[in-house]
Amino acid sequence: MRERYRIGVEGFSASLRDMRDAGRLPAHVDPAAAAVTLFALADGLQSRWLIDPSFDMTAQLERYRGNLIR
């Protein structure tokens, strides 16, 4: 689990940093902090989806991403 978390957060952080550097993410967003939040959100949404497979996890993640890049 530790390795999964480390790799996941590093991957999200790198992607968010690339988005910020390309001007697709506001300069004030800290990629490392946002990556921790995004990873935690994804884990929580996966748990919710396991309880109710009709739950649209992708839509929720997209909503968060949309709020982040505004």
PDB file of N, CA and C in Angstrom:
ATOM      1  N   MET A   1       0.827  -1.199   0.000  1.00  0.00           N
ATOM      2  CA  MET A   1       0.000   0.000   0.000  1.00  0.00           C
ATOM      3  C   MET A   1       0.870   1.261   0.000  1.00  0.00           C
ATOM      4  N   ARG A   2       1.958   1.228   0.751  1.00  0.00           N
ATOM      5  CA  ARG A   2       2.838   2.402   0.777  1.00  0.00           C
ATOM      6  C   ARG A   2       3.422   2.684  -0.588  1.00  0.00           C
ATOM      7  N   GLU A   3       3.841   1.625  -1.265  1.00  0.00           N
ATOM      8  CA  GLU A   3       4.423   1.796  -2.603  1.00  0.00           C
ATOM      9  C   GLU A   3       3.369   2.296  -3.592  1.00  0.00           C
ATOM     10  N   ARG A   4       2.177   1.741  -3.518  1.00  0.00           N
ATOM     11  CA  ARG A   4       1.078   2.186  -4.383  1.00  0.00           C
ATOM     12  C   ARG A   4       0.803   3.673  -4.159  1.00  0.00           C
ATOM     13  N   TYR A   5       0.750   4.077  -2.898  1.00  0.00           N
ATOM     14  CA  TYR A   5       0.492   5.469  -2.562  1.00  0.00           C
ATOM     15  C   TYR A   5       1.623   6.363  -3.085  1.00  0.00           C
ATOM     16  N   ARG A   6       2.860   5.964  -2.840  1.00  0.00           N
ATOM     17  CA  ARG A   6       4.006   6.761  -3.273  1.00  0.00           C
ATOM     18  C   ARG A   6       4.014   6.932  -4.792  1.00  0.00           C
ATOM     19  N   ILE A   7       3.842   5.840  -5.502  1.00  0.00           N
ATOM     20  CA  ILE A   7       3.852   5.891  -6.970  1.00  0.00           C
ATOM     21  C   ILE A   7       2.673   6.716  -7.485  1.00  0.00           C
ATOM     22  N   GLY A   8       1.497   6.524  -6.898  1.00  0.00           N
ATOM     23  CA  GLY A   8       0.312   7.265  -7.327  1.00  0.00           C
ATOM     24  C   GLY A   8       0.449   8.762  -7.124  1.00  0.00           C
ATOM     25  N   VAL A   9       0.899   9.158  -5.935  1.00  0.00           N
ATOM     26  CA  VAL A   9       1.047  10.582  -5.641  1.00  0.00           C
ATOM     27  C   VAL A   9       2.136  11.191  -6.513  1.00  0.00           C
ATOM     28  N   GLU A  10       3.233  10.476  -6.709  1.00  0.00           N
ATOM     29  CA  GLU A  10       4.295  10.986  -7.584  1.00  0.00           C
ATOM     30  C   GLU A  10       3.786  11.172  -9.016  1.00  0.00           C
ATOM     31  N   GLY A  11       3.001  10.217  -9.490  1.00  0.00           N
ATOM     32  CA  GLY A  11       2.457  10.314 -10.845  1.00  0.00           C
ATOM     33  C   GLY A  11       1.492  11.479 -10.999  1.00  0.00           C
ATOM     34  N   PHE A  12       0.565  11.605 -10.047  1.00  0.00           N
ATOM     35  CA  PHE A  12      -0.371  12.735 -10.090  1.00  0.00           C
ATOM     36  C   PHE A  12       0.381  14.055  -9.995  1.00  0.00           C
ATOM     37  N   SER A  13       1.370  14.111  -9.117  1.00  0.00           N
ATOM     38  CA  SER A  13       2.137  15.340  -8.928  1.00  0.00           C
ATOM     39  C   SER A  13       2.857  15.735 -10.209  1.00  0.00           C
ATOM     40  N   ALA A  14       3.481  14.771 -10.875  1.00  0.00           N
ATOM     41  CA  ALA A  14       4.182  15.056 -12.125  1.00  0.00           C
ATOM     42  C   ALA A  14       3.213  15.540 -13.200  1.00  0.00           C
ATOM     43  N   SER A  15       2.058  14.909 -13.284  1.00  0.00           N
ATOM     44  CA  SER A  15       1.060  15.320 -14.281  1.00  0.00           C
ATOM     45  C   SER A  15       0.557  16.734 -14.003  1.00  0.00           C
ATOM     46  N   LEU A  16       0.280  17.007 -12.745  1.00  0.00           N
ATOM     47  CA  LEU A  16      -0.201  18.346 -12.382  1.00  0.00           C
ATOM     48  C   LEU A  16       0.882  19.399 -12.601  1.00  0.00           C
ATOM     49  N   ARG A  17       2.116  19.060 -12.317  1.00  0.00           N
ATOM     50  CA  ARG A  17       3.232  19.985 -12.560  1.00  0.00           C
ATOM     51  C   ARG A  17       3.348  20.285 -14.067  1.00  0.00           C
ATOM     52  N   ASP A  18       3.229  19.246 -14.886  1.00  0.00           N
ATOM     53  CA  ASP A  18       3.267  19.439 -16.343  1.00  0.00           C
ATOM     54  C   ASP A  18       2.122  20.334 -16.804  1.00  0.00           C
ATOM     55  N   MET A  19       0.927  20.110 -16.238  1.00  0.00           N
ATOM     56  CA  MET A  19      -0.225  20.951 -16.589  1.00  0.00           C
ATOM     57  C   MET A  19       0.032  22.402 -16.189  1.00  0.00           C
ATOM     58  N   ARG A  20       0.583  22.602 -14.990  1.00  0.00           N
ATOM     59  CA  ARG A  20       0.869  23.963 -14.531  1.00  0.00           C
ATOM     60  C   ARG A  20       1.909  24.631 -15.435  1.00  0.00           C
ATOM     61  N   ASP A  21       2.957  23.886 -15.775  1.00  0.00           N
ATOM     62  CA  ASP A  21       4.010  24.429 -16.628  1.00  0.00           C
ATOM     63  C   ASP A  21       3.502  24.759 -18.024  1.00  0.00           C
ATOM     64  N   ALA A  22       2.492  24.041 -18.474  1.00  0.00           N
ATOM     65  CA  ALA A  22       1.906  24.285 -19.794  1.00  0.00           C
ATOM     66  C   ALA A  22       0.813  25.349 -19.756  1.00  0.00           C
ATOM     67  N   GLY A  23       0.542  25.887 -18.556  1.00  0.00           N
ATOM     68  CA  GLY A  23      -0.480  26.925 -18.426  1.00  0.00           C
ATOM     69  C   GLY A  23      -1.890  26.403 -18.340  1.00  0.00           C
ATOM     70  N   ARG A  24      -2.065  25.096 -18.136  1.00  0.00           N
ATOM     71  CA  ARG A  24      -3.403  24.507 -18.034  1.00  0.00           C
ATOM     72  C   ARG A  24      -3.858  24.329 -16.594  1.00  0.00           C
ATOM     73  N   LEU A  25      -3.020  24.768 -15.648  1.00  0.00           N
ATOM     74  CA  LEU A  25      -3.334  24.707 -14.229  1.00  0.00           C
ATOM     75  C   LEU A  25      -2.889  26.031 -13.624  1.00  0.00           C
ATOM     76  N   PRO A  26      -3.728  26.660 -12.815  1.00  0.00           N
ATOM     77  CA  PRO A  26      -3.341  27.951 -12.241  1.00  0.00           C
ATOM     78  C   PRO A  26      -2.000  27.870 -11.508  1.00  0.00           C
ATOM     79  N   ALA A  27      -1.231  28.923 -11.617  1.00  0.00           N
ATOM     80  CA  ALA A  27       0.111  28.964 -11.026  1.00  0.00           C
ATOM     81  C   ALA A  27       0.085  28.803  -9.510  1.00  0.00           C
ATOM     82  N   HIS A  28      -1.015  29.185  -8.862  1.00  0.00           N
ATOM     83  CA  HIS A  28      -1.078  29.101  -7.403  1.00  0.00           C
ATOM     84  C   HIS A  28      -1.298  27.678  -6.880  1.00  0.00           C
ATOM     85  N   VAL A  29      -1.647  26.740  -7.757  1.00  0.00           N
ATOM     86  CA  VAL A  29      -1.910  25.369  -7.329  1.00  0.00           C
ATOM     87  C   VAL A  29      -0.578  24.658  -7.065  1.00  0.00           C
ATOM     88  N   ASP A  30      -0.455  24.083  -5.890  1.00  0.00           N
ATOM     89  CA  ASP A  30       0.729  23.307  -5.522  1.00  0.00           C
ATOM     90  C   ASP A  30       0.509  21.870  -6.009  1.00  0.00           C
ATOM     91  N   PRO A  31       1.244  21.430  -7.049  1.00  0.00           N
ATOM     92  CA  PRO A  31       1.022  20.090  -7.597  1.00  0.00           C
ATOM     93  C   PRO A  31       1.163  18.964  -6.567  1.00  0.00           C
ATOM     94  N   ALA A  32       2.125  19.080  -5.655  1.00  0.00           N
ATOM     95  CA  ALA A  32       2.322  18.020  -4.659  1.00  0.00           C
ATOM     96  C   ALA A  32       1.130  17.928  -3.706  1.00  0.00           C
ATOM     97  N   ALA A  33       0.645  19.069  -3.239  1.00  0.00           N
ATOM     98  CA  ALA A  33      -0.504  19.073  -2.328  1.00  0.00           C
ATOM     99  C   ALA A  33      -1.769  18.614  -3.053  1.00  0.00           C
ATOM    100  N   ALA A  34      -1.966  19.071  -4.262  1.00  0.00           N
ATOM    101  CA  ALA A  34      -3.148  18.669  -5.029  1.00  0.00           C
ATOM    102  C   ALA A  34      -3.106  17.176  -5.344  1.00  0.00           C
ATOM    103  N   ALA A  35      -1.917  16.637  -5.561  1.00  0.00           N
ATOM    104  CA  ALA A  35      -1.781  15.211  -5.856  1.00  0.00           C
ATOM    105  C   ALA A  35      -2.214  14.366  -4.665  1.00  0.00           C
ATOM    106  N   VAL A  36      -1.859  14.785  -3.455  1.00  0.00           N
ATOM    107  CA  VAL A  36      -2.271  14.060  -2.248  1.00  0.00           C
ATOM    108  C   VAL A  36      -3.795  14.059  -2.152  1.00  0.00           C
ATOM    109  N   THR A  37      -4.397  15.224  -2.377  1.00  0.00           N
ATOM    110  CA  THR A  37      -5.856  15.339  -2.314  1.00  0.00           C
ATOM    111  C   THR A  37      -6.512  14.498  -3.404  1.00  0.00           C
ATOM    112  N   LEU A  38      -5.986  14.554  -4.612  1.00  0.00           N
ATOM    113  CA  LEU A  38      -6.553  13.800  -5.728  1.00  0.00           C
ATOM    114  C   LEU A  38      -6.472  12.303  -5.476  1.00  0.00           C
ATOM    115  N   PHE A  39      -5.352  11.850  -4.961  1.00  0.00           N
ATOM    116  CA  PHE A  39      -5.196  10.422  -4.688  1.00  0.00           C
ATOM    117  C   PHE A  39      -6.166   9.965  -3.594  1.00  0.00           C
ATOM    118  N   ALA A  40      -6.296  10.771  -2.546  1.00  0.00           N
ATOM    119  CA  ALA A  40      -7.235  10.440  -1.469  1.00  0.00           C
ATOM    120  C   ALA A  40      -8.672  10.433  -1.990  1.00  0.00           C
ATOM    121  N   LEU A  41      -8.993  11.407  -2.830  1.00  0.00           N
ATOM    122  CA  LEU A  41     -10.332  11.469  -3.419  1.00  0.00           C
ATOM    123  C   LEU A  41     -10.599  10.232  -4.269  1.00  0.00           C
ATOM    124  N   ALA A  42      -9.638   9.850  -5.091  1.00  0.00           N
ATOM    125  CA  ALA A  42      -9.813   8.672  -5.936  1.00  0.00           C
ATOM    126  C   ALA A  42     -10.036   7.420  -5.090  1.00  0.00           C
ATOM    127  N   ASP A  43      -9.266   7.264  -4.020  1.00  0.00           N
ATOM    128  CA  ASP A  43      -9.454   6.108  -3.133  1.00  0.00           C
ATOM    129  C   ASP A  43     -10.841   6.110  -2.503  1.00  0.00           C
ATOM    130  N   GLY A  44     -11.272   7.259  -2.021  1.00  0.00           N
ATOM    131  CA  GLY A  44     -12.593   7.356  -1.410  1.00  0.00           C
ATOM    132  C   GLY A  44     -13.710   7.077  -2.400  1.00  0.00           C
ATOM    133  N   LEU A  45     -13.564   7.595  -3.600  1.00  0.00           N
ATOM    134  CA  LEU A  45     -14.583   7.368  -4.627  1.00  0.00           C
ATOM    135  C   LEU A  45     -14.629   5.900  -5.050  1.00  0.00           C
ATOM    136  N   GLN A  46     -13.477   5.252  -5.059  1.00  0.00           N
ATOM    137  CA  GLN A  46     -13.458   3.821  -5.370  1.00  0.00           C
ATOM    138  C   GLN A  46     -14.235   3.035  -4.314  1.00  0.00           C
ATOM    139  N   SER A  47     -14.072   3.408  -3.052  1.00  0.00           N
ATOM    140  CA  SER A  47     -14.831   2.747  -1.984  1.00  0.00           C
ATOM    141  C   SER A  47     -16.325   2.948  -2.177  1.00  0.00           C
ATOM    142  N   ARG A  48     -16.705   4.151  -2.525  1.00  0.00           N
ATOM    143  CA  ARG A  48     -18.120   4.475  -2.777  1.00  0.00           C
ATOM    144  C   ARG A  48     -18.659   3.645  -3.938  1.00  0.00           C
ATOM    145  N   TRP A  49     -17.862   3.506  -5.000  1.00  0.00           N
ATOM    146  CA  TRP A  49     -18.254   2.733  -6.172  1.00  0.00           C
ATOM    147  C   TRP A  49     -18.411   1.250  -5.824  1.00  0.00           C
ATOM    148  N   LEU A  50     -17.544   0.737  -4.927  1.00  0.00           N
ATOM    149  CA  LEU A  50     -17.668  -0.662  -4.521  1.00  0.00           C
ATOM    150  C   LEU A  50     -18.989  -0.918  -3.794  1.00  0.00           C
ATOM    151  N   ILE A  51     -19.453   0.067  -3.054  1.00  0.00           N
ATOM    152  CA  ILE A  51     -20.732  -0.043  -2.353  1.00  0.00           C
ATOM    153  C   ILE A  51     -21.887   0.033  -3.338  1.00  0.00           C
ATOM    154  N   ASP A  52     -21.752   0.893  -4.343  1.00  0.00           N
ATOM    155  CA  ASP A  52     -22.816   1.118  -5.328  1.00  0.00           C
ATOM    156  C   ASP A  52     -22.196   1.244  -6.722  1.00  0.00           C
ATOM    157  N   PRO A  53     -22.119   0.144  -7.487  1.00  0.00           N
ATOM    158  CA  PRO A  53     -21.489   0.163  -8.797  1.00  0.00           C
ATOM    159  C   PRO A  53     -22.132   1.125  -9.810  1.00  0.00           C
ATOM    160  N   SER A  54     -23.324   1.610  -9.523  1.00  0.00           N
ATOM    161  CA  SER A  54     -23.939   2.583 -10.436  1.00  0.00           C
ATOM    162  C   SER A  54     -23.376   3.990 -10.213  1.00  0.00           C
ATOM    163  N   PHE A  55     -22.628   4.173  -9.135  1.00  0.00           N
ATOM    164  CA  PHE A  55     -22.022   5.460  -8.819  1.00  0.00           C
ATOM    165  C   PHE A  55     -21.005   5.826  -9.906  1.00  0.00           C
ATOM    166  N   ASP A  56     -21.101   7.040 -10.419  1.00  0.00           N
ATOM    167  CA  ASP A  56     -20.225   7.479 -11.511  1.00  0.00           C
ATOM    168  C   ASP A  56     -18.961   8.135 -10.951  1.00  0.00           C
ATOM    169  N   MET A  57     -17.988   7.310 -10.665  1.00  0.00           N
ATOM    170  CA  MET A  57     -16.728   7.767 -10.099  1.00  0.00           C
ATOM    171  C   MET A  57     -15.992   8.701 -11.067  1.00  0.00           C
ATOM    172  N   THR A  58     -16.012   8.376 -12.332  1.00  0.00           N
ATOM    173  CA  THR A  58     -15.322   9.192 -13.332  1.00  0.00           C
ATOM    174  C   THR A  58     -15.877  10.602 -13.369  1.00  0.00           C
ATOM    175  N   ALA A  59     -17.180  10.737 -13.304  1.00  0.00           N
ATOM    176  CA  ALA A  59     -17.789  12.070 -13.325  1.00  0.00           C
ATOM    177  C   ALA A  59     -17.350  12.891 -12.117  1.00  0.00           C
ATOM    178  N   GLN A  60     -17.256  12.251 -10.969  1.00  0.00           N
ATOM    179  CA  GLN A  60     -16.831  12.955  -9.763  1.00  0.00           C
ATOM    180  C   GLN A  60     -15.379  13.417  -9.871  1.00  0.00           C
ATOM    181  N   LEU A  61     -14.510  12.565 -10.403  1.00  0.00           N
ATOM    182  CA  LEU A  61     -13.111  12.954 -10.593  1.00  0.00           C
ATOM    183  C   LEU A  61     -12.987  14.085 -11.608  1.00  0.00           C
ATOM    184  N   GLU A  62     -13.773  14.017 -12.657  1.00  0.00           N
ATOM    185  CA  GLU A  62     -13.753  15.086 -13.667  1.00  0.00           C
ATOM    186  C   GLU A  62     -14.242  16.401 -13.077  1.00  0.00           C
ATOM    187  N   ARG A  63     -15.227  16.340 -12.216  1.00  0.00           N
ATOM    188  CA  ARG A  63     -15.734  17.551 -11.562  1.00  0.00           C
ATOM    189  C   ARG A  63     -14.634  18.187 -10.711  1.00  0.00           C
ATOM    190  N   TYR A  64     -13.922  17.362  -9.953  1.00  0.00           N
ATOM    191  CA  TYR A  64     -12.810  17.861  -9.142  1.00  0.00           C
ATOM    192  C   TYR A  64     -11.731  18.481 -10.035  1.00  0.00           C
ATOM    193  N   ARG A  65     -11.386  17.781 -11.095  1.00  0.00           N
ATOM    194  CA  ARG A  65     -10.365  18.297 -12.015  1.00  0.00           C
ATOM    195  C   ARG A  65     -10.790  19.624 -12.606  1.00  0.00           C
ATOM    196  N   GLY A  66     -12.052  19.731 -12.973  1.00  0.00           N
ATOM    197  CA  GLY A  66     -12.568  20.981 -13.513  1.00  0.00           C
ATOM    198  C   GLY A  66     -12.472  22.126 -12.505  1.00  0.00           C
ATOM    199  N   ASN A  67     -12.774  21.841 -11.253  1.00  0.00           N
ATOM    200  CA  ASN A  67     -12.663  22.865 -10.206  1.00  0.00           C
ATOM    201  C   ASN A  67     -11.204  23.242  -9.970  1.00  0.00           C
ATOM    202  N   LEU A  68     -10.325  22.290 -10.108  1.00  0.00           N
ATOM    203  CA  LEU A  68      -8.899  22.547  -9.868  1.00  0.00           C
ATOM    204  C   LEU A  68      -8.301  23.461 -10.938  1.00  0.00           C
ATOM    205  N   ILE A  69      -8.703  23.269 -12.182  1.00  0.00           N
ATOM    206  CA  ILE A  69      -8.073  24.046 -13.266  1.00  0.00           C
ATOM    207  C   ILE A  69      -8.722  25.394 -13.495  1.00  0.00           C
ATOM    208  N   ARG A  70      -9.799  25.710 -12.799  1.00  0.00           N
ATOM    209  CA  ARG A  70     -10.427  27.015 -12.956  1.00  0.00           C
ATOM    210  C   ARG A  70      -9.573  28.104 -12.368  1.00  0.00           C
TER     211      ARG A  70
END
